[in-house]
Amino acid sequence: MKLVTIFLFLMFVPCLCLSQIKTGTFYDVEIGQKDTPKPIIIHLYTDWCAVCKIESFQLNKDKDLVKMINNNFYFINFEAEKTKDTIHFQGKEFSYLPNGNSGIHELALALSKNKKQPVYPLWIILDSNQKLIYYHEGEFKPEKMNQKLEEILKL
């Protein structure tokens, strides 16, 4: 019984410490934009990127930032090298491009300024009309993100 109690405690402690950003898909955002237009944050990452994992943890630790994102933005977490679904975005269709045992999604390449290999993590912020308003390659610290999102909300 003691072991079960310890296990349950360890499972629920992270839930109490971290907030959770509501994430959606490109399709979810497209539908949501029809009823409630909001700016869009697209976070491109890979599962092998250590900076991406640290950044995600730090971001979810900042409850005020998570609340601001959840209330004012659509958020898409996009795994650039594992997502294999065809995605319709901005009137175009994007597919996964396999390359032996790995590959990359065409949309990751289309969103990146480096068309051969995106830098991860990659942050793209679009206005409610899907026009680019901010592009950030590499780590995006919560303090800087908070400042940038506040600026965007004032536009």
Protein backbone atom coordinates (compact mmCIF):
# COMPACT_ATOMS: atom_id res chain seq x y z
CA MET A 1 0.00 0.00 0.00
CA LYS A 2 2.86 2.34 0.83
CA LEU A 3 4.34 1.75 -2.63
CA VAL A 4 1.02 2.61 -4.30
CA THR A 5 0.77 5.84 -2.31
CA ILE A 6 4.30 6.88 -3.29
CA PHE A 7 3.60 6.02 -6.94
CA LEU A 8 0.39 8.08 -6.99
CA PHE A 9 2.14 10.99 -5.29
CA LEU A 10 4.92 10.98 -7.88
CA MET A 11 2.41 10.80 -10.72
CA PHE A 12 0.37 13.80 -9.56
CA VAL A 13 3.07 16.17 -8.29
CA PRO A 14 4.05 17.31 -11.82
CA CYS A 15 0.40 18.08 -12.52
CA LEU A 16 0.33 20.47 -9.58
CA CYS A 17 3.54 22.23 -10.55
CA LEU A 18 3.03 22.75 -14.27
CA SER A 19 0.33 24.44 -16.25
CA GLN A 20 -0.61 23.04 -19.59
CA ILE A 21 -0.78 24.91 -22.88
CA LYS A 22 -3.82 23.94 -24.89
CA THR A 23 -2.53 22.68 -28.21
CA GLY A 24 -4.41 22.09 -31.40
CA THR A 25 -3.83 20.90 -34.93
CA PHE A 26 -3.74 22.98 -38.09
CA TYR A 27 -7.27 21.75 -38.80
CA ASP A 28 -8.49 22.72 -35.29
CA VAL A 29 -7.06 26.21 -35.71
CA GLU A 30 -8.63 26.63 -39.14
CA ILE A 31 -12.05 25.77 -37.70
CA GLY A 32 -11.51 27.91 -34.60
CA GLN A 33 -10.46 30.94 -36.65
CA LYS A 34 -13.90 31.01 -38.28
CA ASP A 35 -15.65 31.58 -34.94
CA THR A 36 -12.92 33.21 -32.85
CA PRO A 37 -10.06 34.80 -34.77
CA LYS A 38 -6.81 34.87 -32.76
CA PRO A 39 -3.10 35.01 -33.51
CA ILE A 40 -1.45 31.61 -34.00
CA ILE A 41 1.73 30.30 -32.40
CA ILE A 42 3.39 27.42 -34.25
CA HIS A 43 6.15 25.62 -32.35
CA LEU A 44 8.27 23.36 -34.55
CA TYR A 45 10.34 20.85 -32.63
CA THR A 46 11.78 17.35 -32.81
CA ASP A 47 11.84 14.62 -30.22
CA TRP A 48 15.68 14.47 -30.31
CA CYS A 49 16.13 18.20 -29.60
CA ALA A 50 17.28 18.68 -25.97
CA VAL A 51 16.73 22.46 -26.13
CA CYS A 52 13.13 21.82 -27.26
CA LYS A 53 12.47 19.64 -24.21
CA ILE A 54 14.01 22.10 -21.74
CA GLU A 55 12.18 24.99 -23.36
CA SER A 56 8.84 23.18 -23.20
CA PHE A 57 9.33 22.43 -19.51
CA GLN A 58 10.29 26.06 -18.73
CA LEU A 59 7.35 27.38 -20.72
CA ASN A 60 4.81 25.16 -18.96
CA LYS A 61 6.29 26.20 -15.59
CA ASP A 62 5.28 29.83 -16.21
CA LYS A 63 1.59 29.80 -15.25
CA ASP A 64 0.96 33.42 -16.28
CA LEU A 65 2.47 32.86 -19.71
CA VAL A 66 0.48 29.64 -20.19
CA LYS A 67 -2.70 31.48 -19.21
CA MET A 68 -1.95 34.32 -21.65
CA ILE A 69 -1.32 31.85 -24.49
CA ASN A 70 -4.43 29.79 -23.72
CA ASN A 71 -6.66 32.87 -23.56
CA ASN A 72 -5.32 34.87 -26.50
CA PHE A 73 -3.66 32.56 -29.03
CA TYR A 74 -4.05 29.30 -30.87
CA PHE A 75 -1.06 27.06 -30.19
CA ILE A 76 0.18 24.32 -32.52
CA ASN A 77 2.95 21.97 -31.38
CA PHE A 78 4.35 20.51 -34.60
CA GLU A 79 6.84 17.62 -34.52
CA ALA A 80 8.61 18.34 -37.79
CA GLU A 81 10.23 14.95 -38.33
CA LYS A 82 7.57 12.52 -37.06
CA THR A 83 4.28 14.06 -38.23
CA LYS A 84 3.28 12.04 -41.27
CA ASP A 85 -0.25 13.31 -41.85
CA THR A 86 -1.03 15.43 -44.88
CA ILE A 87 -1.71 18.97 -43.67
CA HIS A 88 -3.77 21.61 -45.42
CA PHE A 89 -2.55 25.09 -44.51
CA GLN A 90 -3.03 28.46 -46.19
CA GLY A 91 -4.72 26.83 -49.17
CA LYS A 92 -1.89 24.38 -49.83
CA GLU A 93 -1.33 20.70 -49.10
CA PHE A 94 1.84 19.55 -47.33
CA SER A 95 3.08 15.97 -46.93
CA TYR A 96 5.77 14.05 -45.13
CA LEU A 97 8.99 13.58 -47.11
CA PRO A 98 10.62 10.27 -46.13
CA ASN A 99 14.38 9.93 -46.37
CA GLY A 100 15.46 6.41 -45.48
CA ASN A 101 14.77 5.84 -41.78
CA SER A 102 13.88 9.47 -41.16
CA GLY A 103 12.30 12.36 -43.00
CA ILE A 104 10.79 15.78 -42.58
CA HIS A 105 7.41 17.33 -43.18
CA GLU A 106 7.10 19.70 -46.15
CA LEU A 107 5.31 22.19 -43.93
CA ALA A 108 8.33 22.43 -41.62
CA LEU A 109 10.46 23.31 -44.63
CA ALA A 110 7.87 25.78 -45.92
CA LEU A 111 7.69 27.59 -42.57
CA SER A 112 11.46 27.68 -42.09
CA LYS A 113 13.74 30.30 -43.60
CA ASN A 114 16.34 27.55 -44.04
CA LYS A 115 14.67 25.42 -46.72
CA LYS A 116 17.16 22.53 -46.42
CA GLN A 117 17.10 21.94 -42.64
CA PRO A 118 15.11 24.00 -40.13
CA VAL A 119 16.69 25.14 -36.89
CA TYR A 120 14.93 23.67 -33.85
CA PRO A 121 13.11 24.85 -31.92
CA LEU A 122 11.42 27.18 -34.36
CA TRP A 123 8.68 29.59 -33.34
CA ILE A 124 6.33 31.15 -35.89
CA ILE A 125 3.68 33.65 -34.82
CA LEU A 126 0.97 34.56 -37.29
CA ASP A 127 -1.78 37.13 -36.92
CA SER A 128 -5.42 36.07 -37.14
CA ASN A 129 -5.19 36.43 -40.96
CA GLN A 130 -2.24 34.00 -41.01
CA LYS A 131 0.32 36.67 -41.90
CA LEU A 132 3.76 36.30 -40.33
CA ILE A 133 4.33 38.73 -37.46
CA TYR A 134 7.27 37.05 -35.68
CA TYR A 135 9.87 34.41 -36.50
CA HIS A 136 12.29 32.99 -33.91
CA GLU A 137 14.88 30.25 -34.38
CA GLY A 138 16.39 28.57 -31.33
CA GLU A 139 15.51 28.82 -27.67
CA PHE A 140 12.72 31.26 -26.82
CA LYS A 141 13.02 32.02 -23.12
CA PRO A 142 9.70 32.52 -21.29
CA GLU A 143 10.59 36.12 -20.33
CA LYS A 144 11.29 37.08 -23.93
CA MET A 145 8.24 35.19 -25.16
CA ASN A 146 6.04 36.95 -22.62
CA GLN A 147 7.36 40.34 -23.74
CA LYS A 148 6.87 39.53 -27.44
CA LEU A 149 3.32 38.17 -26.94
CA GLU A 150 2.37 41.27 -24.92
CA GLU A 151 3.59 43.42 -27.84
CA ILE A 152 1.58 41.34 -30.30
CA LEU A 153 -1.60 41.64 -28.23
CA LYS A 154 -1.25 45.44 -28.31
CA LEU A 155 -1.19 45.51 -32.13
